[in-house]
Amino acid sequence: MDASPPPLLSVLQFEGVVIAALAVMFAATWRRSREEGTPLLALGFALTALWYLNGDRIAYVGPNIDSDQQRVWSSLIGLAALLISLGVIRYLGVPRGRRRWWLAPFLLPSVLTLIAVALTPEVPRRLFHVGVLLPYAGAAALAFRRSVQYPGDRHLLLGIVLLVPPLTPYILLAAGLPPTQLKYFAGACVVLFGLALLVISLLRRQRALDAEVLRRAAAEEQLREANTRLEARVDERTVHLRELIQGLESFNRSVSHDLRGPLGGMSNLARLANEALARGDASMAQRALPAIATQCEASARFVGTMLELARLGDLPLRPQPLCPAELVQSAFDEVMLGAPPGPRPALHCAELPEVNTDPRLLRPVLVNLIGNAVKFSRRAAQPRIEIEGRSAGSDLTLCVRDNGVGLSAAQAQHIFEPFYRAHGELYEGHGLGLSIVRRAVQALGGRVWAEPPTQDAPGAVLCFTLPGAVPCGAPRLGGATPSTPSTPSHRASLPA
């Protein structure tokens, strides 16, 4: 019988082909994902494949490496083992700072062994195997360390796989395997190690991709929520702008209406006076001029009120400690200087705690509230104005009460709007005083409202809050204004 043809590939060559395929896979991994360490792994497995493809021609002779051929191939496989170990270390992440030096005892012997093979006449094979395979043990130690730091990335399995190449030769030798047969089993170990490392790398990459997908999904959800909030804010701003536009249109109509009357009256009076002078009727002109002056003063007051309303929004807040009772009396005196002839109302003010506020803003609040109370209580038999104070923690609530015509519940809802006049033409004014009050109180950090009307208490009650109240005369430490417990208010009459 004819002898059977020789196999296409020997065992070592087949192992070399498989290892070469692993090198190509690691190179593809590097090209696709740029994962750390994969270039070194690809180069290390490529050199290992070259060694195994020529393994049948590398003779195992004696206990020492002492020929040129043995030195070349031993340096090649030693360099491949070092590159693979360094690739795994880069893949796991090189420790930072001084912590990286603990890897030196595992890597330095391999470098010294390669230098010894290249420069010395002979090197014991056992010493060569220890020096070349020791970096695997260092990489395994790093993998075990990473398994504690980052559980779930299969670093523990990688550490176990890394121990296969350095331990397998000694286990096989201890089992009685001839040294010349080690390379066959070592190749299988290299293939197993490479496949395991590649699978672990792919699983790690898959886990990173899953985490990235979750991160992007969360980011998209946050983006959708942000878009929803933005759309809500845009809708809110649109409604606000629409209200502002409507308010400006209403403001323009009110200003036009309130200025058209005095200006029209002045125009007619001036025309009548001019015609009277043309006829030689000086008495008619003299009667028209005071009316023109009155209309001019009313228009000037109206414009001044609008300027004050606009100015309140531009004042920087400069709070200082003050007793509101003194400011109440001053505001009352100012109101009475411009009041028309009639009964002088009695002013009763409660004992008020000290507040830390800006008097430039508090004064127009008190002037307009007291002026409002004076105007609407003018027809009462005995006009009376009461200033009440209630402390709640560090906030002070001030209320101005009169015994005038009062407000209905519907009027109380709109009384602080610009140009709103609760009683129409029955009382003079332009409807801006309480708008000034609201804007000034808001600038001080408080709020303003009208108390609901009751049958037992005729008149109107307008209230506002001020933050930062302490009893008058209380010591202040370092300019601070400490708060005091709430105390019941009691009235003390001020000279009217």
Protein backbone atom coordinates (compact mmCIF):
# COMPACT_ATOMS: atom_id res chain seq x y z
CA MET A 1 0.00 0.00 0.00
CA ASP A 2 1.13 3.53 -0.77
CA ALA A 3 2.03 5.71 2.16
CA SER A 4 -0.64 8.30 3.04
CA PRO A 5 0.25 11.87 2.02
CA PRO A 6 1.67 14.11 4.74
CA PRO A 7 -0.78 16.51 6.42
CA LEU A 8 -1.09 19.96 4.91
CA LEU A 9 -0.10 21.62 8.21
CA SER A 10 1.74 20.28 11.19
CA VAL A 11 0.43 20.79 14.70
CA LEU A 12 2.76 23.74 15.30
CA GLN A 13 1.91 25.32 11.97
CA PHE A 14 -1.82 24.95 12.65
CA GLU A 15 -1.32 26.61 16.03
CA GLY A 16 0.65 29.34 14.26
CA VAL A 17 -2.21 29.96 11.81
CA VAL A 18 -4.72 30.23 14.67
CA ILE A 19 -2.42 32.58 16.60
CA ALA A 20 -1.96 34.69 13.43
CA ALA A 21 -5.75 34.93 13.16
CA LEU A 22 -5.82 36.17 16.76
CA ALA A 23 -3.24 38.82 15.84
CA VAL A 24 -5.46 39.99 12.97
CA MET A 25 -8.49 40.12 15.29
CA PHE A 26 -6.65 42.26 17.84
CA ALA A 27 -5.47 44.56 15.05
CA ALA A 28 -9.07 44.89 13.82
CA THR A 29 -10.19 45.63 17.38
CA TRP A 30 -7.63 48.41 17.60
CA ARG A 31 -8.70 49.86 14.26
CA ARG A 32 -12.37 49.83 15.18
CA SER A 33 -12.45 50.85 18.83
CA ARG A 34 -8.90 52.10 19.61
CA GLU A 35 -8.89 50.05 22.79
CA GLU A 36 -5.76 50.45 24.89
CA GLY A 37 -3.17 47.68 24.60
CA THR A 38 -4.58 45.99 21.50
CA PRO A 39 -1.71 47.15 19.19
CA LEU A 40 0.83 45.50 21.51
CA LEU A 41 -1.33 42.38 21.69
CA ALA A 42 -1.60 42.23 17.89
CA LEU A 43 2.17 42.60 17.49
CA GLY A 44 2.90 40.07 20.26
CA PHE A 45 0.59 37.44 18.78
CA ALA A 46 2.01 38.10 15.29
CA LEU A 47 5.56 37.37 16.54
CA THR A 48 4.26 34.29 18.38
CA ALA A 49 2.57 33.09 15.16
CA LEU A 50 5.85 33.56 13.29
CA TRP A 51 7.65 31.40 15.87
CA TYR A 52 5.05 28.60 15.68
CA LEU A 53 4.92 28.64 11.89
CA ASN A 54 8.66 27.86 11.98
CA GLY A 55 8.50 25.73 15.13
CA ASP A 56 9.22 22.44 13.34
CA ARG A 57 12.65 23.74 12.25
CA ILE A 58 13.61 24.98 15.73
CA ALA A 59 15.48 22.16 17.41
CA TYR A 60 15.39 21.74 21.16
CA VAL A 61 19.02 20.84 21.97
CA GLY A 62 20.44 20.77 25.46
CA PRO A 63 19.63 22.64 28.65
CA ASN A 64 21.16 25.92 27.42
CA ILE A 65 20.52 28.45 24.68
CA ASP A 66 23.96 28.53 23.09
CA SER A 67 23.62 28.74 19.28
CA ASP A 68 22.85 31.68 17.01
CA GLN A 69 19.67 30.06 15.73
CA GLN A 70 18.42 29.38 19.25
CA ARG A 71 19.29 32.91 20.34
CA VAL A 72 17.29 34.44 17.43
CA TRP A 73 14.17 32.34 17.94
CA SER A 74 14.36 32.57 21.74
CA SER A 75 14.63 36.38 21.53
CA LEU A 76 11.65 36.39 19.16
CA ILE A 77 9.37 34.35 21.44
CA GLY A 78 10.62 36.21 24.55
CA LEU A 79 9.87 39.58 22.94
CA ALA A 80 6.42 38.30 21.91
CA ALA A 81 5.64 37.24 25.49
CA LEU A 82 6.79 40.64 26.82
CA LEU A 83 4.66 42.53 24.26
CA ILE A 84 1.59 40.44 25.09
CA SER A 85 2.09 41.07 28.82
CA LEU A 86 2.54 44.82 28.25
CA GLY A 87 -0.56 44.84 26.04
CA VAL A 88 -2.63 43.23 28.78
CA ILE A 89 -1.26 45.74 31.31
CA ARG A 90 -2.20 48.64 29.01
CA TYR A 91 -5.59 47.03 28.46
CA LEU A 92 -6.16 46.85 32.22
CA GLY A 93 -4.82 50.37 32.81
CA VAL A 94 -1.31 51.17 34.00
CA PRO A 95 -1.29 52.23 37.67
CA ARG A 96 -0.53 55.90 38.26
CA GLY A 97 2.31 57.47 40.20
CA ARG A 98 4.39 55.35 42.51
CA ARG A 99 1.92 52.49 42.37
CA ARG A 100 3.20 51.52 38.93
CA TRP A 101 6.59 50.54 40.35
CA TRP A 102 5.29 47.32 41.87
CA LEU A 103 5.14 45.94 38.28
CA ALA A 104 8.89 46.39 37.86
CA PRO A 105 9.85 43.06 39.57
CA PHE A 106 7.69 41.25 37.01
CA LEU A 107 8.84 43.11 33.89
CA LEU A 108 12.50 43.87 34.56
CA PRO A 109 13.64 40.19 34.67
CA SER A 110 12.14 39.66 31.19
CA VAL A 111 14.08 42.61 29.78
CA LEU A 112 17.31 41.43 31.43
CA THR A 113 16.73 37.90 30.12
CA LEU A 114 16.36 39.15 26.54
CA ILE A 115 19.53 41.21 26.90
CA ALA A 116 21.36 38.16 28.28
CA VAL A 117 20.19 35.98 25.37
CA ALA A 118 21.43 38.55 22.87
CA LEU A 119 24.81 39.28 24.49
CA THR A 120 25.95 36.18 26.40
CA PRO A 121 27.23 32.90 24.88
CA GLU A 122 24.72 30.75 26.68
CA VAL A 123 21.67 31.14 28.92
CA PRO A 124 20.04 28.30 30.89
CA ARG A 125 16.67 27.41 29.39
CA ARG A 126 14.97 27.22 32.78
CA LEU A 127 16.19 30.74 33.62
CA PHE A 128 14.96 31.93 30.22
CA HIS A 129 11.52 30.43 30.78
CA VAL A 130 11.22 32.08 34.23
CA GLY A 131 12.29 35.50 32.95
CA VAL A 132 10.07 35.37 29.85
CA LEU A 133 6.94 34.10 31.58
CA LEU A 134 7.19 36.29 34.72
CA PRO A 135 5.41 39.30 33.07
CA TYR A 136 2.30 37.12 32.73
CA ALA A 137 2.25 36.80 36.53
CA GLY A 138 2.52 40.61 36.88
CA ALA A 139 -0.36 41.12 34.45
CA ALA A 140 -2.40 38.51 36.37
CA ALA A 141 -1.74 40.35 39.66
CA LEU A 142 -2.95 43.59 38.06
CA ALA A 143 -6.07 41.81 36.75
CA PHE A 144 -6.88 40.51 40.24
CA ARG A 145 -6.46 44.04 41.58
CA ARG A 146 -8.78 45.47 38.92
CA SER A 147 -11.37 42.77 39.71
CA VAL A 148 -11.66 44.27 43.20
CA GLN A 149 -11.80 47.85 41.92
CA TYR A 150 -14.18 47.23 39.01
CA PRO A 151 -16.31 44.15 39.69
CA GLY A 152 -18.32 42.90 36.77
CA ASP A 153 -15.71 43.49 34.02
CA ARG A 154 -14.50 39.83 34.21
CA HIS A 155 -11.04 40.84 35.35
CA LEU A 156 -10.96 37.87 37.73
CA LEU A 157 -11.39 35.46 34.81
CA LEU A 158 -8.67 37.31 32.89
CA GLY A 159 -6.30 36.97 35.85
CA ILE A 160 -6.86 33.23 35.96
CA VAL A 161 -6.30 32.94 32.20
CA LEU A 162 -3.06 34.95 32.49
CA LEU A 163 -1.67 32.37 34.90
CA VAL A 164 -2.10 29.57 32.35
CA PRO A 165 1.03 30.35 30.20
CA PRO A 166 3.54 30.58 33.10
CA LEU A 167 2.16 27.62 35.08
CA THR A 168 1.44 25.14 32.28
CA PRO A 169 5.11 24.26 31.43
CA TYR A 170 5.98 23.47 35.03
CA ILE A 171 2.80 21.46 35.55
CA LEU A 172 3.51 19.42 32.42
CA LEU A 173 7.17 18.89 33.34
CA ALA A 174 6.12 17.79 36.81
CA ALA A 175 3.72 15.33 35.16
CA GLY A 176 6.65 13.77 33.26
CA LEU A 177 6.23 15.37 29.83
CA PRO A 178 9.52 15.48 27.89
CA PRO A 179 10.86 19.07 27.44
CA THR A 180 10.89 18.61 23.67
CA GLN A 181 7.08 18.26 23.69
CA LEU A 182 6.39 21.44 25.67
CA LYS A 183 6.04 23.66 22.61
CA TYR A 184 3.04 21.69 21.36
CA PHE A 185 1.09 22.17 24.58
CA ALA A 186 2.37 25.72 25.03
CA GLY A 187 0.87 26.62 21.66
CA ALA A 188 -2.51 25.32 22.76
CA CYS A 189 -2.20 27.42 25.93
CA VAL A 190 -1.38 30.52 23.86
CA VAL A 191 -4.41 29.91 21.64
CA LEU A 192 -6.66 29.41 24.68
CA PHE A 193 -5.26 32.51 26.32
CA GLY A 194 -5.71 34.62 23.16
CA LEU A 195 -9.29 33.48 22.61
CA ALA A 196 -10.20 34.12 26.25
CA LEU A 197 -8.61 37.58 26.13
CA LEU A 198 -10.42 38.42 22.90
CA VAL A 199 -13.78 37.25 24.28
CA ILE A 200 -13.26 39.22 27.51
CA SER A 201 -12.32 42.28 25.46
CA LEU A 202 -15.45 41.96 23.34
CA LEU A 203 -17.64 41.48 26.42
CA ARG A 204 -16.04 44.50 28.04
CA ARG A 205 -16.65 46.49 24.87
CA GLN A 206 -20.26 45.30 24.77
CA ARG A 207 -20.77 46.37 28.36
CA ALA A 208 -19.29 49.79 27.56
CA LEU A 209 -21.62 50.08 24.57
CA ASP A 210 -24.62 49.13 26.70
CA ALA A 211 -23.63 51.76 29.25
CA GLU A 212 -23.23 54.30 26.46
CA VAL A 213 -26.67 53.42 25.09
CA LEU A 214 -28.18 53.89 28.54
CA ARG A 215 -26.30 57.16 28.99
CA ARG A 216 -27.51 58.46 25.64
CA ALA A 217 -31.06 57.35 26.38
CA ALA A 218 -30.91 59.20 29.69
CA ALA A 219 -29.43 62.24 27.93
CA GLU A 220 -32.21 62.14 25.33
CA GLU A 221 -34.80 61.90 28.09
CA GLN A 222 -33.20 64.87 29.86
CA LEU A 223 -33.16 66.74 26.55
CA ARG A 224 -36.85 66.00 26.03
CA GLU A 225 -37.61 67.19 29.54
CA ALA A 226 -35.53 70.31 28.95
CA ASN A 227 -37.38 70.94 25.69
CA THR A 228 -40.69 70.46 27.48
CA ARG A 229 -39.66 72.91 30.20
CA LEU A 230 -38.39 75.32 27.57
CA GLU A 231 -41.63 75.12 25.63
CA ALA A 232 -43.55 75.69 28.85
CA ARG A 233 -41.39 78.71 29.64
CA VAL A 234 -41.81 80.02 26.11
CA ASP A 235 -45.58 79.62 26.42
CA GLU A 236 -45.46 81.30 29.82
CA ARG A 237 -43.34 84.15 28.48
CA THR A 238 -45.64 84.46 25.47
CA VAL A 239 -48.66 84.77 27.75
CA HIS A 240 -46.73 87.24 29.91
CA LEU A 241 -45.71 89.30 26.88
CA ARG A 242 -49.28 89.24 25.62
CA GLU A 243 -50.45 90.50 29.01
CA LEU A 244 -47.74 93.18 28.93
CA ILE A 245 -48.83 94.28 25.47
CA GLN A 246 -52.44 94.39 26.59
CA GLY A 247 -51.36 96.31 29.69
CA LEU A 248 -49.38 98.79 27.58
CA GLU A 249 -52.33 99.26 25.27
CA SER A 250 -54.58 99.84 28.28
CA PHE A 251 -51.94 102.17 29.73
CA ASN A 252 -51.78 104.17 26.50
CA ARG A 253 -55.57 104.44 26.37
CA SER A 254 -55.71 105.57 30.00
CA VAL A 255 -52.92 108.11 29.56
CA SER A 256 -54.51 109.43 26.40
CA HIS A 257 -57.87 109.70 28.15
CA ASP A 258 -56.49 111.40 31.28
CA LEU A 259 -54.41 113.88 29.28
CA ARG A 260 -56.95 114.54 26.54
CA GLY A 261 -59.45 116.07 28.97
CA PRO A 262 -57.14 118.68 30.56
CA LEU A 263 -55.42 119.45 27.25
CA GLY A 264 -58.77 119.86 25.49
CA GLY A 265 -60.02 122.08 28.29
CA MET A 266 -56.89 124.23 28.17
CA SER A 267 -57.18 124.50 24.38
CA ASN A 268 -60.81 125.61 24.55
CA LEU A 269 -60.14 128.09 27.36
CA ALA A 270 -57.14 129.51 25.54
CA ARG A 271 -59.22 129.91 22.36
CA LEU A 272 -62.02 131.62 24.29
CA ALA A 273 -59.52 133.92 26.01
CA ASN A 274 -57.93 134.79 22.66
CA GLU A 275 -61.32 135.57 21.13
CA ALA A 276 -62.24 137.66 24.18
CA LEU A 277 -59.03 139.67 23.90
CA ALA A 278 -59.74 140.21 20.20
CA ARG A 279 -63.10 141.68 21.18
CA GLY A 280 -61.48 143.76 23.91
CA ASP A 281 -63.11 141.71 26.69
CA ALA A 282 -60.21 141.51 29.19
CA SER A 283 -62.42 140.27 32.02
CA MET A 284 -63.22 137.08 30.12
CA ALA A 285 -59.52 136.41 29.53
CA GLN A 286 -58.77 136.98 33.23
CA ARG A 287 -61.41 134.42 34.21
CA ALA A 288 -60.01 131.84 31.75
CA LEU A 289 -56.34 132.08 32.81
CA PRO A 290 -56.78 130.62 36.36
CA ALA A 291 -58.73 127.70 34.90
CA ILE A 292 -55.94 127.11 32.40
CA ALA A 293 -53.38 127.17 35.24
CA THR A 294 -55.45 124.65 37.22
CA GLN A 295 -55.62 122.30 34.25
CA CYS A 296 -51.84 122.64 33.73
CA GLU A 297 -51.16 121.80 37.38
CA ALA A 298 -53.41 118.73 37.18
CA SER A 299 -51.62 117.52 34.05
CA ALA A 300 -48.22 118.17 35.65
CA ARG A 301 -49.23 116.16 38.73
CA PHE A 302 -50.40 113.32 36.50
CA VAL A 303 -47.10 113.24 34.59
CA GLY A 304 -45.16 113.45 37.85
CA THR A 305 -47.10 110.50 39.24
CA MET A 306 -46.30 108.41 36.17
CA LEU A 307 -42.61 109.35 36.45
CA GLU A 308 -42.61 108.31 40.11
CA LEU A 309 -44.20 104.98 39.18
CA ALA A 310 -41.45 104.37 36.60
CA ARG A 311 -38.66 105.57 38.91
CA LEU A 312 -39.48 103.05 41.65
CA GLY A 313 -38.28 100.15 39.49
CA ASP A 314 -34.83 101.70 39.02
CA LEU A 315 -33.95 102.56 42.63
CA PRO A 316 -31.19 100.37 44.15
CA LEU A 317 -32.27 98.98 47.51
CA ARG A 318 -30.48 100.65 50.47
CA PRO A 319 -32.02 99.30 53.68
CA GLN A 320 -31.36 100.94 57.04
CA PRO A 321 -32.89 100.57 60.53
CA LEU A 322 -35.79 102.97 61.15
CA CYS A 323 -38.96 103.32 63.24
CA PRO A 324 -42.03 103.44 60.95
CA ALA A 325 -44.03 105.52 63.45
CA GLU A 326 -41.88 108.58 62.74
CA LEU A 327 -42.26 108.07 58.99
CA VAL A 328 -46.04 107.64 59.42
CA GLN A 329 -46.33 111.04 61.12
CA SER A 330 -44.15 112.69 58.47
CA ALA A 331 -46.21 111.15 55.64
CA PHE A 332 -49.46 112.26 57.30
CA ASP A 333 -48.19 115.84 57.62
CA GLU A 334 -47.18 115.82 53.94
CA VAL A 335 -50.62 114.59 52.88
CA MET A 336 -52.43 117.19 54.97
CA LEU A 337 -50.39 120.02 53.41
CA GLY A 338 -52.01 119.30 50.04
CA ALA A 339 -55.43 118.26 51.32
CA PRO A 340 -58.47 120.40 50.43
CA PRO A 341 -60.25 122.30 53.21
CA GLY A 342 -62.39 120.13 55.43
CA PRO A 343 -62.39 118.16 58.70
CA ARG A 344 -58.90 117.02 59.70
CA PRO A 345 -58.90 113.24 60.28
CA ALA A 346 -57.64 111.82 63.56
CA LEU A 347 -54.54 109.66 63.16
CA HIS A 348 -53.97 106.74 65.53
CA CYS A 349 -50.80 104.68 65.12
CA ALA A 350 -49.91 101.48 66.93
CA GLU A 351 -46.52 101.04 68.56
CA LEU A 352 -44.52 99.67 65.66
CA PRO A 353 -41.28 97.67 65.79
CA GLU A 354 -38.17 98.84 64.05
CA VAL A 355 -37.64 97.64 60.50
CA ASN A 356 -34.56 97.33 58.33
CA THR A 357 -35.82 98.83 55.07
CA ASP A 358 -35.27 101.60 52.53
CA PRO A 359 -37.02 104.84 53.58
CA ARG A 360 -36.97 106.14 49.98
CA LEU A 361 -39.38 103.34 49.05
CA LEU A 362 -41.34 103.13 52.30
CA ARG A 363 -42.20 106.84 52.29
CA PRO A 364 -44.22 106.84 49.00
CA VAL A 365 -46.02 103.72 50.26
CA LEU A 366 -47.18 105.51 53.42
CA VAL A 367 -47.90 108.79 51.62
CA ASN A 368 -50.16 107.13 49.05
CA LEU A 369 -51.94 104.84 51.53
CA ILE A 370 -52.57 107.65 54.02
CA GLY A 371 -53.54 110.01 51.19
CA ASN A 372 -55.97 107.40 49.91
CA ALA A 373 -57.47 107.04 53.41
CA VAL A 374 -57.75 110.83 53.83
CA LYS A 375 -59.48 111.22 50.46
CA PHE A 376 -62.08 108.49 50.94
CA SER A 377 -62.89 109.31 54.59
CA ARG A 378 -63.41 113.02 53.87
CA ARG A 379 -67.21 112.72 53.93
CA ALA A 380 -67.32 110.87 57.26
CA ALA A 381 -68.66 112.79 60.26
CA GLN A 382 -65.46 112.17 62.21
CA PRO A 383 -62.71 111.04 59.79
CA ARG A 384 -60.37 108.57 61.42
CA ILE A 385 -57.22 106.81 60.18
CA GLU A 386 -55.62 103.91 62.09
CA ILE A 387 -52.18 102.42 61.49
CA GLU A 388 -51.88 98.89 62.87
CA GLY A 389 -48.81 96.66 63.05
CA ARG A 390 -48.49 92.90 63.52
CA SER A 391 -45.17 91.09 63.88
CA ALA A 392 -44.74 87.53 62.65
CA GLY A 393 -41.18 86.37 63.20
CA SER A 394 -38.98 88.85 61.38
CA ASP A 395 -41.79 90.23 59.19
CA LEU A 396 -43.91 93.27 60.00
CA THR A 397 -47.43 93.68 58.61
CA LEU A 398 -48.72 97.27 58.47
CA CYS A 399 -52.40 98.05 57.83
CA VAL A 400 -53.94 101.45 57.08
CA ARG A 401 -57.61 101.53 58.12
CA ASP A 402 -60.10 104.34 57.47
CA ASN A 403 -63.80 104.88 58.12
CA GLY A 404 -64.61 106.09 54.62
CA VAL A 405 -66.74 104.69 51.82
CA GLY A 406 -64.90 101.35 51.79
CA LEU A 407 -64.46 98.77 49.04
CA SER A 408 -66.48 95.92 47.66
CA ALA A 409 -64.94 92.47 47.22
CA ALA A 410 -64.76 93.00 43.44
CA GLN A 411 -63.10 96.40 43.84
CA ALA A 412 -60.53 94.98 46.27
CA GLN A 413 -59.26 92.57 43.60
CA HIS A 414 -58.36 95.37 41.16
CA ILE A 415 -57.53 98.30 43.39
CA PHE A 416 -53.74 98.04 42.90
CA GLU A 417 -53.94 97.97 39.09
CA PRO A 418 -52.78 101.07 37.19
CA PHE A 419 -55.53 103.60 36.40
CA TYR A 420 -58.16 101.63 38.29
CA ARG A 421 -60.54 103.96 40.12
CA ALA A 422 -62.87 102.14 42.48
CA HIS A 423 -65.38 104.98 42.77
CA GLY A 424 -65.10 106.47 39.30
CA GLU A 425 -65.47 110.23 39.01
CA LEU A 426 -66.83 110.70 42.56
CA TYR A 427 -63.31 111.35 43.83
CA GLU A 428 -60.38 113.08 42.16
CA GLY A 429 -57.27 111.20 41.07
CA HIS A 430 -55.82 109.19 38.23
CA GLY A 431 -55.77 105.69 39.74
CA LEU A 432 -51.96 105.47 40.01
CA GLY A 433 -51.33 105.95 43.73
CA LEU A 434 -51.96 102.36 44.78
CA SER A 435 -49.98 101.08 41.76
CA ILE A 436 -47.04 103.03 43.18
CA VAL A 437 -47.68 101.35 46.55
CA ARG A 438 -47.62 97.85 45.05
CA ARG A 439 -44.43 98.47 43.05
CA ALA A 440 -42.58 99.98 46.01
CA VAL A 441 -43.64 97.20 48.42
CA GLN A 442 -42.54 94.52 45.93
CA ALA A 443 -39.18 96.28 45.58
CA LEU A 444 -38.82 96.07 49.38
CA GLY A 445 -39.45 92.31 49.30
CA GLY A 446 -43.01 92.42 50.67
CA ARG A 447 -46.54 92.09 49.36
CA VAL A 448 -49.65 94.28 49.47
CA TRP A 449 -53.37 93.46 49.59
CA ALA A 450 -56.79 94.79 50.58
CA GLU A 451 -58.55 93.13 53.51
CA PRO A 452 -62.01 91.78 52.62
CA PRO A 453 -64.79 94.16 53.66
CA THR A 454 -66.94 93.40 56.72
CA GLN A 455 -70.27 94.81 57.91
CA ASP A 456 -68.93 95.57 61.39
CA ALA A 457 -65.95 97.67 60.19
CA PRO A 458 -66.85 100.29 57.56
CA GLY A 459 -64.13 101.74 55.42
CA ALA A 460 -61.14 100.21 53.69
CA VAL A 461 -58.19 98.28 55.14
CA LEU A 462 -55.05 98.17 52.99
CA CYS A 463 -52.11 96.08 54.27
CA PHE A 464 -48.52 95.36 53.28
CA THR A 465 -45.60 93.40 54.72
CA LEU A 466 -42.02 94.44 55.45
CA PRO A 467 -39.22 91.96 56.24
CA GLY A 468 -36.76 92.45 59.11
CA ALA A 469 -38.59 93.82 62.19
CA VAL A 470 -37.26 94.33 65.78
CA PRO A 471 -38.63 96.45 68.65
CA CYS A 472 -37.66 100.12 68.45
CA GLY A 473 -34.67 100.84 70.65
CA ALA A 474 -33.44 97.22 70.68
CA PRO A 475 -29.62 96.94 70.45
CA ARG A 476 -28.16 96.03 67.04
CA LEU A 477 -24.99 93.94 66.87
CA GLY A 478 -22.72 94.81 63.99
CA GLY A 479 -25.53 96.51 62.07
CA ALA A 480 -27.59 93.30 61.95
CA THR A 481 -31.31 93.35 62.63
CA PRO A 482 -32.26 90.38 64.80
CA SER A 483 -35.79 89.14 64.83
CA THR A 484 -38.06 89.05 67.88
CA PRO A 485 -41.11 87.00 68.76
CA SER A 486 -44.48 88.24 67.68
CA THR A 487 -46.02 90.79 70.07
CA PRO A 488 -49.61 92.06 70.12
CA SER A 489 -50.03 95.58 68.79
CA HIS A 490 -51.47 98.41 70.90
CA ARG A 491 -52.43 101.86 69.72
CA ALA A 492 -50.84 105.12 70.83
CA SER A 493 -52.33 108.38 69.55
CA LEU A 494 -50.09 110.67 67.54
CA PRO A 495 -50.78 114.36 67.36
CA ALA A 496 -52.85 115.08 64.32
